[in-house]
């Protein structure tokens, strides 16, 4: 599993900081300070691509709606198929929360 390559004290500190955020407004404030708009856009775009892929959307539809490159779509697809199930975990939780 590639997740072991990520582990480290600095990343643990980042994740602890993210986990300390209480609401969406705090997320906006923190990510505005810690990341560029381009970085935030890229991450949110990948999540949207993952959502659309799991819903069965085609590459052409995803490319048109998200403006993601086919390389990005392929990378996200690879993560969904062979990754650590992070997208699946988050998307399932978001779906359950929305259904409530």
Protein backbone atom coordinates (compact mmCIF):
# COMPACT_ATOMS: atom_id res chain seq x y z
CA UNK A 1 0.00 0.00 0.00
CA UNK A 2 1.39 3.41 -0.96
CA UNK A 3 -0.08 5.05 2.11
CA UNK A 4 2.98 4.04 4.13
CA UNK A 5 5.13 6.25 1.87
CA UNK A 6 3.09 9.26 2.98
CA UNK A 7 3.50 8.81 6.71
CA UNK A 8 5.70 11.20 8.62
CA UNK A 9 5.73 13.74 11.42
CA UNK A 10 5.07 16.77 9.20
CA UNK A 11 2.14 15.13 7.44
CA UNK A 12 0.75 13.91 10.77
CA UNK A 13 0.87 17.52 11.95
CA UNK A 14 -0.97 18.71 8.83
CA UNK A 15 -3.68 16.07 9.21
CA UNK A 16 -4.06 16.87 12.92
CA UNK A 17 -4.50 20.53 11.96
CA UNK A 18 -7.18 19.63 9.40
CA UNK A 19 -8.94 17.37 11.90
CA UNK A 20 -9.02 20.27 14.39
CA UNK A 21 -11.17 22.39 12.05
CA UNK A 22 -14.74 22.74 13.30
CA UNK A 23 -16.73 23.78 10.26
CA UNK A 24 -16.62 24.79 6.60
CA UNK A 25 -15.81 28.42 7.42
CA UNK A 26 -12.73 27.35 9.38
CA UNK A 27 -11.74 25.16 6.42
CA UNK A 28 -11.99 28.13 4.09
CA UNK A 29 -9.83 30.24 6.41
CA UNK A 30 -7.19 27.57 6.95
CA UNK A 31 -6.89 26.48 3.33
CA UNK A 32 -6.78 30.12 2.18
CA UNK A 33 -3.66 30.51 4.29
CA UNK A 34 -1.98 27.16 3.67
CA UNK A 35 -2.54 26.57 -0.05
CA UNK A 36 -2.73 28.50 -3.28
CA UNK A 37 -6.03 28.81 -5.10
CA UNK A 38 -4.58 26.58 -7.81
CA UNK A 39 -3.72 23.84 -5.29
CA UNK A 40 -7.15 24.00 -3.70
CA UNK A 41 -8.82 23.94 -7.12
CA UNK A 42 -6.79 20.89 -8.18
CA UNK A 43 -7.76 18.94 -5.07
CA UNK A 44 -11.43 19.85 -5.32
CA UNK A 45 -11.40 19.05 -9.05
CA UNK A 46 -9.99 15.57 -8.35
CA UNK A 47 -12.73 14.91 -5.81
CA UNK A 48 -15.39 15.98 -8.32
CA UNK A 49 -13.80 13.76 -10.98
CA UNK A 50 -13.86 10.82 -8.54
CA UNK A 51 -17.51 11.47 -7.76
CA UNK A 52 -18.44 11.57 -11.43
CA UNK A 53 -16.41 8.44 -12.24
CA UNK A 54 -18.11 6.49 -9.47
CA UNK A 55 -21.45 7.67 -10.83
CA UNK A 56 -20.51 6.17 -14.21
CA UNK A 57 -19.93 9.38 -16.14
CA UNK A 58 -17.79 9.20 -19.29
CA UNK A 59 -14.40 10.86 -19.64
CA UNK A 60 -15.80 13.32 -22.17
CA UNK A 61 -18.59 14.45 -19.86
CA UNK A 62 -16.19 14.73 -16.91
CA UNK A 63 -13.66 16.65 -19.00
CA UNK A 64 -16.35 19.07 -20.20
CA UNK A 65 -17.91 19.68 -16.77
CA UNK A 66 -14.78 19.80 -14.61
CA UNK A 67 -12.22 21.06 -17.15
CA UNK A 68 -9.93 18.27 -15.90
CA UNK A 69 -7.44 16.81 -18.35
CA UNK A 70 -7.79 13.21 -19.45
CA UNK A 71 -4.50 12.57 -17.62
CA UNK A 72 -6.06 13.79 -14.36
CA UNK A 73 -9.19 11.73 -14.97
CA UNK A 74 -7.06 8.65 -15.65
CA UNK A 75 -5.01 9.24 -12.52
CA UNK A 76 -8.15 9.53 -10.40
CA UNK A 77 -9.58 6.39 -12.05
CA UNK A 78 -6.36 4.53 -11.19
CA UNK A 79 -6.65 5.67 -7.56
CA UNK A 80 -10.27 4.53 -7.41
CA UNK A 81 -9.38 1.12 -8.86
CA UNK A 82 -6.03 0.45 -7.21
CA UNK A 83 -5.57 3.03 -4.46
CA UNK A 84 -6.22 3.06 -0.73
CA UNK A 85 -10.03 3.46 -1.04
CA UNK A 86 -9.81 7.04 0.22
CA UNK A 87 -12.10 8.40 -2.47
CA UNK A 88 -14.64 5.64 -1.86
CA UNK A 89 -14.60 6.22 1.90
CA UNK A 90 -15.13 9.98 1.59
CA UNK A 91 -17.69 9.81 -1.22
CA UNK A 92 -19.72 7.16 0.66
CA UNK A 93 -19.76 9.34 3.78
CA UNK A 94 -20.74 12.43 1.81
CA UNK A 95 -23.55 10.53 0.12
CA UNK A 96 -24.89 9.21 3.43
CA UNK A 97 -24.74 12.68 4.98
CA UNK A 98 -26.61 14.17 2.01
CA UNK A 99 -29.33 11.50 2.26
CA UNK A 100 -30.08 12.44 5.88
